[in-house]
Amino acid sequence: MEMISLDGKIVVITGGSSGIGRATALALARNGARALVLAARREDALNQVAAEVRALGSEALPIPTDVSRQDQVQALIERALDRFGQVDILVANAGEYIRAPVDQLNIAVIERSMAVNFYGSVYPALAVLPHMRARRSGTIVFVTSMNGKKGIPMDTPYASAKFALSGFAEVLRQELRGQGIAVITIFPGRVDTPMIANLHVPWISAKIPPDAVARAIVHAIRRRQAEVIVPWHARLLHLVNVISPSLADQATRILHLEGWESEKGSLLDEPHAG
């Protein structure tokens, strides 16, 4: 399969201030991307990543953005188009790890998760899609989670949004077939980001570095892969779940894949964990 060149590409990345977003921005800059438009809520952190991108020889445009606000996301895409004239790649990556056991579950918690983890990726995709369709060229990458393939106990709010996003991406990919636009879905397992810094996990579900996910994203863009699951133990869990959901449930329970928190408190709202 012919590898797609990243030279000269204009990329928009949400959740770009840390974790997977930061690692992906740097990886794309190293692979020849002309400019990275970085979106997240934390302006100081965004500016720091922008400086790192520029040090690698690419342009950077940091834009503080709350992805749960459609107006702010629309403004993000419009600014990117005004500045660079095109958007070749969208990496919809921003997310918030929201979990709640069933006895604490309520609609407000689920709505909060959907606002960031579902609509926060749908908004930028729909905002950039008319431009890409007019050019008949582009790549949309959705960074979801293994929780969008196999839900883990206590993660109902997060898994619900990630399953919804995975379904959205799957249908979008099929409907855009033949229009020059690739839709790629990335399913990471646990990732060592600030978002789950206080979550301890068993060895079988060890956190992987953001750079590993970034490498998978770059590889998927270059090869236009439809779906990528990382790492290997996440792929194994998915395979078991496809063969026997009840067996996968048992494995999840025995291995304590839900993990445990060292302390209660808020979790940051940048990239992803499974």
C-alpha atoms as a PDB file:
ATOM      1  CA  MET A   1       0.000   0.000   0.000  1.00  0.00           C
ATOM      2  CA  GLU A   2       1.301   3.427  -0.932  1.00  0.00           C
ATOM      3  CA  MET A   3       2.140   5.571   2.073  1.00  0.00           C
ATOM      4  CA  ILE A   4       0.547   9.034   2.196  1.00  0.00           C
ATOM      5  CA  SER A   5       3.046  11.863   2.623  1.00  0.00           C
ATOM      6  CA  LEU A   6       2.521  14.292   5.498  1.00  0.00           C
ATOM      7  CA  ASP A   7       4.742  16.964   3.978  1.00  0.00           C
ATOM      8  CA  GLY A   8       3.050  20.357   3.920  1.00  0.00           C
ATOM      9  CA  LYS A   9      -0.144  19.193   5.650  1.00  0.00           C
ATOM     10  CA  ILE A  10      -2.274  21.525   7.779  1.00  0.00           C
ATOM     11  CA  VAL A  11      -3.500  19.723  10.888  1.00  0.00           C
ATOM     12  CA  VAL A  12      -6.054  20.637  13.556  1.00  0.00           C
ATOM     13  CA  ILE A  13      -5.702  18.760  16.859  1.00  0.00           C
ATOM     14  CA  THR A  14      -8.168  19.075  19.728  1.00  0.00           C
ATOM     15  CA  GLY A  15      -6.963  18.183  23.207  1.00  0.00           C
ATOM     16  CA  GLY A  16      -3.581  19.386  22.002  1.00  0.00           C
ATOM     17  CA  SER A  17      -2.097  20.684  25.254  1.00  0.00           C
ATOM     18  CA  SER A  18      -0.875  17.391  26.755  1.00  0.00           C
ATOM     19  CA  GLY A  19      -0.887  13.616  26.518  1.00  0.00           C
ATOM     20  CA  ILE A  20      -1.879  12.080  23.189  1.00  0.00           C
ATOM     21  CA  GLY A  21      -2.624  15.452  21.605  1.00  0.00           C
ATOM     22  CA  ARG A  22       0.786  16.889  22.409  1.00  0.00           C
ATOM     23  CA  ALA A  23       2.581  13.696  21.360  1.00  0.00           C
ATOM     24  CA  THR A  24       0.653  13.578  18.087  1.00  0.00           C
ATOM     25  CA  ALA A  25       1.398  17.220  17.298  1.00  0.00           C
ATOM     26  CA  LEU A  26       5.108  16.645  17.783  1.00  0.00           C
ATOM     27  CA  ALA A  27       5.053  13.398  15.797  1.00  0.00           C
ATOM     28  CA  LEU A  28       3.300  15.077  12.858  1.00  0.00           C
ATOM     29  CA  ALA A  29       5.731  17.997  12.975  1.00  0.00           C
ATOM     30  CA  ARG A  30       8.638  15.543  12.836  1.00  0.00           C
ATOM     31  CA  ASN A  31       7.009  13.885   9.826  1.00  0.00           C
ATOM     32  CA  GLY A  32       6.785  17.057   7.782  1.00  0.00           C
ATOM     33  CA  ALA A  33       3.449  18.677   8.653  1.00  0.00           C
ATOM     34  CA  ARG A  34       3.546  22.343   7.693  1.00  0.00           C
ATOM     35  CA  ALA A  35       1.357  23.643  10.514  1.00  0.00           C
ATOM     36  CA  LEU A  36      -0.394  22.423  13.652  1.00  0.00           C
ATOM     37  CA  VAL A  37      -3.523  24.217  14.884  1.00  0.00           C
ATOM     38  CA  LEU A  38      -3.719  23.290  18.564  1.00  0.00           C
ATOM     39  CA  ALA A  39      -6.956  23.475  20.542  1.00  0.00           C
ATOM     40  CA  ALA A  40      -7.571  22.915  24.253  1.00  0.00           C
ATOM     41  CA  ARG A  41      -8.843  24.843  27.246  1.00  0.00           C
ATOM     42  CA  ARG A  42      -5.503  25.473  28.962  1.00  0.00           C
ATOM     43  CA  GLU A  43      -3.859  28.392  27.166  1.00  0.00           C
ATOM     44  CA  ASP A  44      -0.492  28.228  28.946  1.00  0.00           C
ATOM     45  CA  ALA A  45      -0.063  24.542  28.167  1.00  0.00           C
ATOM     46  CA  LEU A  46      -1.140  25.134  24.559  1.00  0.00           C
ATOM     47  CA  ASN A  47       1.482  27.839  24.132  1.00  0.00           C
ATOM     48  CA  GLN A  48       4.150  25.513  25.494  1.00  0.00           C
ATOM     49  CA  VAL A  49       3.275  22.792  22.977  1.00  0.00           C
ATOM     50  CA  ALA A  50       3.176  25.394  20.206  1.00  0.00           C
ATOM     51  CA  ALA A  51       6.749  26.382  21.102  1.00  0.00           C
ATOM     52  CA  GLU A  52       7.815  22.728  20.902  1.00  0.00           C
ATOM     53  CA  VAL A  53       6.177  22.385  17.482  1.00  0.00           C
ATOM     54  CA  ARG A  54       7.942  25.498  16.188  1.00  0.00           C
ATOM     55  CA  ALA A  55      11.273  24.173  17.455  1.00  0.00           C
ATOM     56  CA  LEU A  56      10.741  21.196  15.128  1.00  0.00           C
ATOM     57  CA  GLY A  57      10.336  23.509  12.140  1.00  0.00           C
ATOM     58  CA  SER A  58       6.547  23.574  11.764  1.00  0.00           C
ATOM     59  CA  GLU A  59       4.158  26.475  12.228  1.00  0.00           C
ATOM     60  CA  ALA A  60       1.844  26.415  15.231  1.00  0.00           C
ATOM     61  CA  LEU A  61      -1.399  28.222  15.970  1.00  0.00           C
ATOM     62  CA  PRO A  62      -2.670  27.685  19.544  1.00  0.00           C
ATOM     63  CA  ILE A  63      -6.371  28.472  19.981  1.00  0.00           C
ATOM     64  CA  PRO A  64      -7.975  28.102  23.440  1.00  0.00           C
ATOM     65  CA  THR A  65     -11.165  26.133  22.822  1.00  0.00           C
ATOM     66  CA  ASP A  66     -13.845  24.391  24.848  1.00  0.00           C
ATOM     67  CA  VAL A  67     -14.858  21.523  22.558  1.00  0.00           C
ATOM     68  CA  SER A  68     -18.207  21.150  24.316  1.00  0.00           C
ATOM     69  CA  ARG A  69     -19.152  24.571  22.870  1.00  0.00           C
ATOM     70  CA  GLN A  70     -20.166  24.308  19.221  1.00  0.00           C
ATOM     71  CA  ASP A  71     -19.635  28.029  18.621  1.00  0.00           C
ATOM     72  CA  GLN A  72     -16.048  27.834  19.864  1.00  0.00           C
ATOM     73  CA  VAL A  73     -15.327  24.757  17.738  1.00  0.00           C
ATOM     74  CA  GLN A  74     -16.781  26.432  14.645  1.00  0.00           C
ATOM     75  CA  ALA A  75     -14.586  29.454  15.327  1.00  0.00           C
ATOM     76  CA  LEU A  76     -11.568  27.145  15.675  1.00  0.00           C
ATOM     77  CA  ILE A  77     -12.051  25.651  12.210  1.00  0.00           C
ATOM     78  CA  GLU A  78     -12.787  29.044  10.665  1.00  0.00           C
ATOM     79  CA  ARG A  79      -9.594  30.503  12.117  1.00  0.00           C
ATOM     80  CA  ALA A  80      -7.586  27.570  10.800  1.00  0.00           C
ATOM     81  CA  LEU A  81      -9.051  28.063   7.312  1.00  0.00           C
ATOM     82  CA  ASP A  82      -8.554  31.833   7.434  1.00  0.00           C
ATOM     83  CA  ARG A  83      -4.909  31.441   8.452  1.00  0.00           C
ATOM     84  CA  PHE A  84      -3.829  28.526   6.233  1.00  0.00           C
ATOM     85  CA  GLY A  85      -6.510  28.246   3.545  1.00  0.00           C
ATOM     86  CA  GLN A  86      -7.138  24.554   4.120  1.00  0.00           C
ATOM     87  CA  VAL A  87      -7.342  21.779   6.706  1.00  0.00           C
ATOM     88  CA  ASP A  88      -5.879  18.487   5.525  1.00  0.00           C
ATOM     89  CA  ILE A  89      -6.142  16.507   8.753  1.00  0.00           C
ATOM     90  CA  LEU A  90      -8.393  16.762  11.799  1.00  0.00           C
ATOM     91  CA  VAL A  91      -7.399  14.810  14.910  1.00  0.00           C
ATOM     92  CA  ALA A  92     -10.449  14.905  17.203  1.00  0.00           C
ATOM     93  CA  ASN A  93      -8.802  13.915  20.440  1.00  0.00           C
ATOM     94  CA  ALA A  94     -10.077  16.036  23.353  1.00  0.00           C
ATOM     95  CA  GLY A  95     -11.816  14.105  26.081  1.00  0.00           C
ATOM     96  CA  GLU A  96     -12.581  13.848  29.768  1.00  0.00           C
ATOM     97  CA  TYR A  97     -12.484  10.608  31.739  1.00  0.00           C
ATOM     98  CA  ILE A  98     -15.805  10.576  33.576  1.00  0.00           C
ATOM     99  CA  ARG A  99     -16.698   7.482  35.572  1.00  0.00           C
ATOM    100  CA  ALA A 100     -19.429   6.671  38.072  1.00  0.00           C
ATOM    101  CA  PRO A 101     -20.651   3.379  39.590  1.00  0.00           C
ATOM    102  CA  VAL A 102     -24.261   2.549  38.849  1.00  0.00           C
ATOM    103  CA  ASP A 103     -25.485   3.628  42.294  1.00  0.00           C
ATOM    104  CA  GLN A 104     -24.112   7.143  41.639  1.00  0.00           C
ATOM    105  CA  LEU A 105     -25.190   7.362  38.017  1.00  0.00           C
ATOM    106  CA  ASN A 106     -27.483  10.163  36.909  1.00  0.00           C
ATOM    107  CA  ILE A 107     -28.415  11.958  33.708  1.00  0.00           C
ATOM    108  CA  ALA A 108     -26.253  14.995  34.500  1.00  0.00           C
ATOM    109  CA  VAL A 109     -23.113  12.854  34.633  1.00  0.00           C
ATOM    110  CA  ILE A 110     -23.946  11.143  31.348  1.00  0.00           C
ATOM    111  CA  GLU A 111     -24.781  14.460  29.664  1.00  0.00           C
ATOM    112  CA  ARG A 112     -21.460  15.917  30.809  1.00  0.00           C
ATOM    113  CA  SER A 113     -19.594  12.979  29.300  1.00  0.00           C
ATOM    114  CA  MET A 114     -21.526  13.186  26.047  1.00  0.00           C
ATOM    115  CA  ALA A 115     -20.855  16.926  25.787  1.00  0.00           C
ATOM    116  CA  VAL A 116     -17.078  16.467  25.786  1.00  0.00           C
ATOM    117  CA  ASN A 117     -16.471  12.903  24.665  1.00  0.00           C
ATOM    118  CA  PHE A 118     -19.102  12.684  21.904  1.00  0.00           C
ATOM    119  CA  TYR A 119     -20.153  16.154  20.772  1.00  0.00           C
ATOM    120  CA  GLY A 120     -16.634  17.435  21.425  1.00  0.00           C
ATOM    121  CA  SER A 121     -15.478  15.308  18.486  1.00  0.00           C
ATOM    122  CA  VAL A 122     -18.609  15.525  16.356  1.00  0.00           C
ATOM    123  CA  TYR A 123     -18.563  19.341  16.335  1.00  0.00           C
ATOM    124  CA  PRO A 124     -15.106  19.707  14.726  1.00  0.00           C
ATOM    125  CA  ALA A 125     -15.797  16.871  12.277  1.00  0.00           C
ATOM    126  CA  LEU A 126     -19.002  18.489  11.030  1.00  0.00           C
ATOM    127  CA  ALA A 127     -17.348  21.915  10.957  1.00  0.00           C
ATOM    128  CA  VAL A 128     -14.462  20.776   8.742  1.00  0.00           C
ATOM    129  CA  LEU A 129     -16.420  18.345   6.568  1.00  0.00           C
ATOM    130  CA  PRO A 130     -17.867  20.856   4.037  1.00  0.00           C
ATOM    131  CA  HIS A 131     -14.353  22.141   3.334  1.00  0.00           C
ATOM    132  CA  MET A 132     -12.944  18.630   2.874  1.00  0.00           C
ATOM    133  CA  ARG A 133     -15.852  17.543   0.690  1.00  0.00           C
ATOM    134  CA  ALA A 134     -15.433  20.604  -1.523  1.00  0.00           C
ATOM    135  CA  ARG A 135     -11.754  19.733  -1.991  1.00  0.00           C
ATOM    136  CA  ARG A 136     -12.458  15.970  -2.142  1.00  0.00           C
ATOM    137  CA  SER A 137      -9.501  15.493   0.132  1.00  0.00           C
ATOM    138  CA  GLY A 138      -8.840  15.118   3.828  1.00  0.00           C
ATOM    139  CA  THR A 139      -8.430  12.854   6.829  1.00  0.00           C
ATOM    140  CA  ILE A 140     -10.523  12.816  10.002  1.00  0.00           C
ATOM    141  CA  VAL A 141      -9.078  10.925  12.963  1.00  0.00           C
ATOM    142  CA  PHE A 142     -11.284  10.139  15.958  1.00  0.00           C
ATOM    143  CA  VAL A 143      -9.366   9.158  19.089  1.00  0.00           C
ATOM    144  CA  THR A 144     -11.919   7.164  21.038  1.00  0.00           C
ATOM    145  CA  SER A 145     -11.017   4.470  23.567  1.00  0.00           C
ATOM    146  CA  MET A 146     -11.097   0.741  24.166  1.00  0.00           C
ATOM    147  CA  ASN A 147     -14.131   1.696  26.234  1.00  0.00           C
ATOM    148  CA  GLY A 148     -15.734   2.225  22.826  1.00  0.00           C
ATOM    149  CA  LYS A 149     -15.200  -1.466  22.061  1.00  0.00           C
ATOM    150  CA  LYS A 150     -15.527  -3.088  25.499  1.00  0.00           C
ATOM    151  CA  GLY A 151     -17.055  -1.172  28.375  1.00  0.00           C
ATOM    152  CA  ILE A 152     -15.315  -1.446  31.743  1.00  0.00           C
ATOM    153  CA  PRO A 153     -17.166  -1.380  35.105  1.00  0.00           C
ATOM    154  CA  MET A 154     -17.734   2.088  36.591  1.00  0.00           C
ATOM    155  CA  ASP A 155     -17.098   3.698  33.191  1.00  0.00           C
ATOM    156  CA  THR A 156     -20.714   3.927  32.019  1.00  0.00           C
ATOM    157  CA  PRO A 157     -20.625   7.705  31.281  1.00  0.00           C
ATOM    158  CA  TYR A 158     -17.310   7.493  29.441  1.00  0.00           C
ATOM    159  CA  ALA A 159     -18.077   4.238  27.603  1.00  0.00           C
ATOM    160  CA  SER A 160     -21.498   5.489  26.507  1.00  0.00           C
ATOM    161  CA  ALA A 161     -19.957   8.521  24.809  1.00  0.00           C
ATOM    162  CA  LYS A 162     -17.111   6.508  23.296  1.00  0.00           C
ATOM    163  CA  PHE A 163     -19.449   3.851  21.879  1.00  0.00           C
ATOM    164  CA  ALA A 164     -21.553   6.645  20.382  1.00  0.00           C
ATOM    165  CA  LEU A 165     -18.478   8.254  18.830  1.00  0.00           C
ATOM    166  CA  SER A 166     -17.244   4.918  17.482  1.00  0.00           C
ATOM    167  CA  GLY A 167     -20.593   4.348  15.787  1.00  0.00           C
ATOM    168  CA  PHE A 168     -20.616   7.858  14.358  1.00  0.00           C
ATOM    169  CA  ALA A 169     -17.136   7.327  12.914  1.00  0.00           C
ATOM    170  CA  GLU A 170     -18.000   3.924  11.467  1.00  0.00           C
ATOM    171  CA  VAL A 171     -20.993   5.229   9.536  1.00  0.00           C
ATOM    172  CA  LEU A 172     -19.204   8.416   8.466  1.00  0.00           C
ATOM    173  CA  ARG A 173     -16.343   6.341   7.073  1.00  0.00           C
ATOM    174  CA  GLN A 174     -18.739   4.354   4.903  1.00  0.00           C
ATOM    175  CA  GLU A 175     -20.737   7.325   3.676  1.00  0.00           C
ATOM    176  CA  LEU A 176     -17.597   9.217   2.663  1.00  0.00           C
ATOM    177  CA  ARG A 177     -16.167   6.303   0.713  1.00  0.00           C
ATOM    178  CA  GLY A 178     -15.086   7.423  -2.737  1.00  0.00           C
ATOM    179  CA  GLN A 179     -15.075  11.131  -1.818  1.00  0.00           C
ATOM    180  CA  GLY A 180     -11.357  11.354  -1.090  1.00  0.00           C
ATOM    181  CA  ILE A 181     -11.831  11.646   2.678  1.00  0.00           C
ATOM    182  CA  ALA A 182     -10.427   9.034   5.052  1.00  0.00           C
ATOM    183  CA  VAL A 183     -12.061   8.444   8.440  1.00  0.00           C
ATOM    184  CA  ILE A 184      -9.844   6.718  10.991  1.00  0.00           C
ATOM    185  CA  THR A 185     -10.793   5.556  14.487  1.00  0.00           C
ATOM    186  CA  ILE A 186      -8.124   4.994  17.136  1.00  0.00           C
ATOM    187  CA  PHE A 187      -8.955   2.832  20.169  1.00  0.00           C
ATOM    188  CA  PRO A 188      -6.272   3.231  22.867  1.00  0.00           C
ATOM    189  CA  GLY A 189      -6.224   1.214  26.057  1.00  0.00           C
ATOM    190  CA  ARG A 190      -4.990   2.892  29.238  1.00  0.00           C
ATOM    191  CA  VAL A 191      -2.632   5.742  28.424  1.00  0.00           C
ATOM    192  CA  ASP A 192      -0.213   7.440  30.810  1.00  0.00           C
ATOM    193  CA  THR A 193      -1.676  10.947  30.695  1.00  0.00           C
ATOM    194  CA  PRO A 194      -2.595  13.486  33.396  1.00  0.00           C
ATOM    195  CA  MET A 195      -6.231  12.530  32.881  1.00  0.00           C
ATOM    196  CA  ILE A 196      -5.825   9.242  34.765  1.00  0.00           C
ATOM    197  CA  ALA A 197      -2.784  10.087  36.869  1.00  0.00           C
ATOM    198  CA  ASN A 198      -4.557   8.946  40.046  1.00  0.00           C
ATOM    199  CA  LEU A 199      -5.869   5.705  38.496  1.00  0.00           C
ATOM    200  CA  HIS A 200      -3.859   2.563  39.218  1.00  0.00           C
ATOM    201  CA  VAL A 201      -4.302  -0.374  36.856  1.00  0.00           C
ATOM    202  CA  PRO A 202      -3.215  -4.046  36.884  1.00  0.00           C
ATOM    203  CA  TRP A 203      -0.105  -5.094  34.966  1.00  0.00           C
ATOM    204  CA  ILE A 204      -2.143  -6.705  32.182  1.00  0.00           C
ATOM    205  CA  SER A 205      -3.672  -3.286  31.486  1.00  0.00           C
ATOM    206  CA  ALA A 206      -0.497  -1.263  32.023  1.00  0.00           C
ATOM    207  CA  LYS A 207      -0.593   2.341  30.858  1.00  0.00           C
ATOM    208  CA  ILE A 208       1.212   2.942  27.596  1.00  0.00           C
ATOM    209  CA  PRO A 209       3.064   6.187  26.798  1.00  0.00           C
ATOM    210  CA  PRO A 210       1.257   8.821  24.697  1.00  0.00           C
ATOM    211  CA  ASP A 211       4.049   8.534  22.133  1.00  0.00           C
ATOM    212  CA  ALA A 212       2.947   4.970  21.371  1.00  0.00           C
ATOM    213  CA  VAL A 213      -0.544   6.185  20.486  1.00  0.00           C
ATOM    214  CA  ALA A 214       0.886   9.100  18.502  1.00  0.00           C
ATOM    215  CA  ARG A 215       2.978   6.686  16.433  1.00  0.00           C
ATOM    216  CA  ALA A 216      -0.118   4.592  15.760  1.00  0.00           C
ATOM    217  CA  ILE A 217      -2.029   7.707  14.673  1.00  0.00           C
ATOM    218  CA  VAL A 218       0.711   8.825  12.278  1.00  0.00           C
ATOM    219  CA  HIS A 219       0.988   5.316  10.838  1.00  0.00           C
ATOM    220  CA  ALA A 220      -2.790   5.090  10.400  1.00  0.00           C
ATOM    221  CA  ILE A 221      -2.935   8.470   8.629  1.00  0.00           C
ATOM    222  CA  ARG A 222      -0.159   7.509   6.256  1.00  0.00           C
ATOM    223  CA  ARG A 223      -1.804   4.153   5.456  1.00  0.00           C
ATOM    224  CA  ARG A 224      -5.428   5.367   5.712  1.00  0.00           C
ATOM    225  CA  GLN A 225      -6.321   2.557   8.080  1.00  0.00           C
ATOM    226  CA  ALA A 226      -9.962   2.358   9.135  1.00  0.00           C
ATOM    227  CA  GLU A 227      -9.442   1.302  12.762  1.00  0.00           C
ATOM    228  CA  VAL A 228      -6.470   0.827  15.065  1.00  0.00           C
ATOM    229  CA  ILE A 229      -6.482  -0.728  18.547  1.00  0.00           C
ATOM    230  CA  VAL A 230      -3.428  -0.219  20.777  1.00  0.00           C
ATOM    231  CA  PRO A 231      -1.707  -1.878  22.584  1.00  0.00           C
ATOM    232  CA  TRP A 232      -1.664  -5.664  22.045  1.00  0.00           C
ATOM    233  CA  HIS A 233      -3.533  -6.526  25.264  1.00  0.00           C
ATOM    234  CA  ALA A 234      -6.373  -4.208  24.213  1.00  0.00           C
ATOM    235  CA  ARG A 235      -6.588  -6.061  20.889  1.00  0.00           C
ATOM    236  CA  LEU A 236      -6.665  -9.344  22.789  1.00  0.00           C
ATOM    237  CA  LEU A 237      -9.533  -8.181  25.016  1.00  0.00           C
ATOM    238  CA  HIS A 238     -11.453  -7.057  21.929  1.00  0.00           C
ATOM    239  CA  LEU A 239     -10.934 -10.450  20.270  1.00  0.00           C
ATOM    240  CA  VAL A 240     -12.161 -12.291  23.369  1.00  0.00           C
ATOM    241  CA  ASN A 241     -15.181  -9.994  23.560  1.00  0.00           C
ATOM    242  CA  VAL A 242     -16.084 -10.658  19.916  1.00  0.00           C
ATOM    243  CA  ILE A 243     -15.897 -14.423  20.497  1.00  0.00           C
ATOM    244  CA  SER A 244     -17.630 -14.435  23.889  1.00  0.00           C
ATOM    245  CA  PRO A 245     -18.808 -11.273  25.667  1.00  0.00           C
ATOM    246  CA  SER A 246     -19.475 -13.245  28.858  1.00  0.00           C
ATOM    247  CA  LEU A 247     -15.905 -14.583  28.839  1.00  0.00           C
ATOM    248  CA  ALA A 248     -14.594 -11.051  28.326  1.00  0.00           C
ATOM    249  CA  ASP A 249     -16.787  -9.906  31.240  1.00  0.00           C
ATOM    250  CA  GLN A 250     -15.243 -12.614  33.408  1.00  0.00           C
ATOM    251  CA  ALA A 251     -11.714 -11.668  32.375  1.00  0.00           C
ATOM    252  CA  THR A 252     -12.430  -8.010  33.102  1.00  0.00           C
ATOM    253  CA  ARG A 253     -13.722  -8.908  36.563  1.00  0.00           C
ATOM    254  CA  ILE A 254     -10.927 -11.340  37.470  1.00  0.00           C
ATOM    255  CA  LEU A 255      -8.164  -9.044  36.231  1.00  0.00           C
ATOM    256  CA  HIS A 256      -9.738  -5.945  37.856  1.00  0.00           C
ATOM    257  CA  LEU A 257      -9.405  -3.983  34.634  1.00  0.00           C
ATOM    258  CA  GLU A 258     -11.411  -1.115  36.131  1.00  0.00           C
ATOM    259  CA  GLY A 259      -8.386  -0.279  38.292  1.00  0.00           C
ATOM    260  CA  TRP A 260      -8.558   1.729  41.480  1.00  0.00           C
ATOM    261  CA  GLU A 261      -8.102   5.376  42.339  1.00  0.00           C
ATOM    262  CA  SER A 262      -5.404   6.489  44.780  1.00  0.00           C
ATOM    263  CA  GLU A 263      -7.464   9.527  45.764  1.00  0.00           C
ATOM    264  CA  LYS A 264     -10.702  11.192  44.824  1.00  0.00           C
ATOM    265  CA  GLY A 265     -10.572  14.368  42.817  1.00  0.00           C
ATOM    266  CA  SER A 266     -11.074  15.931  39.443  1.00  0.00           C
ATOM    267  CA  LEU A 267      -9.399  14.455  36.390  1.00  0.00           C
ATOM    268  CA  LEU A 268      -8.005  16.701  33.662  1.00  0.00           C
ATOM    269  CA  ASP A 269      -9.829  17.193  30.398  1.00  0.00           C
ATOM    270  CA  GLU A 270      -7.189  16.485  27.811  1.00  0.00           C
ATOM    271  CA  PRO A 271      -6.432  13.243  26.010  1.00  0.00           C
ATOM    272  CA  HIS A 272      -7.537   9.749  26.461  1.00  0.00           C
ATOM    273  CA  ALA A 273      -7.503   6.715  28.632  1.00  0.00           C
ATOM    274  CA  GLY A 274      -9.201   3.443  27.987  1.00  0.00           C
END
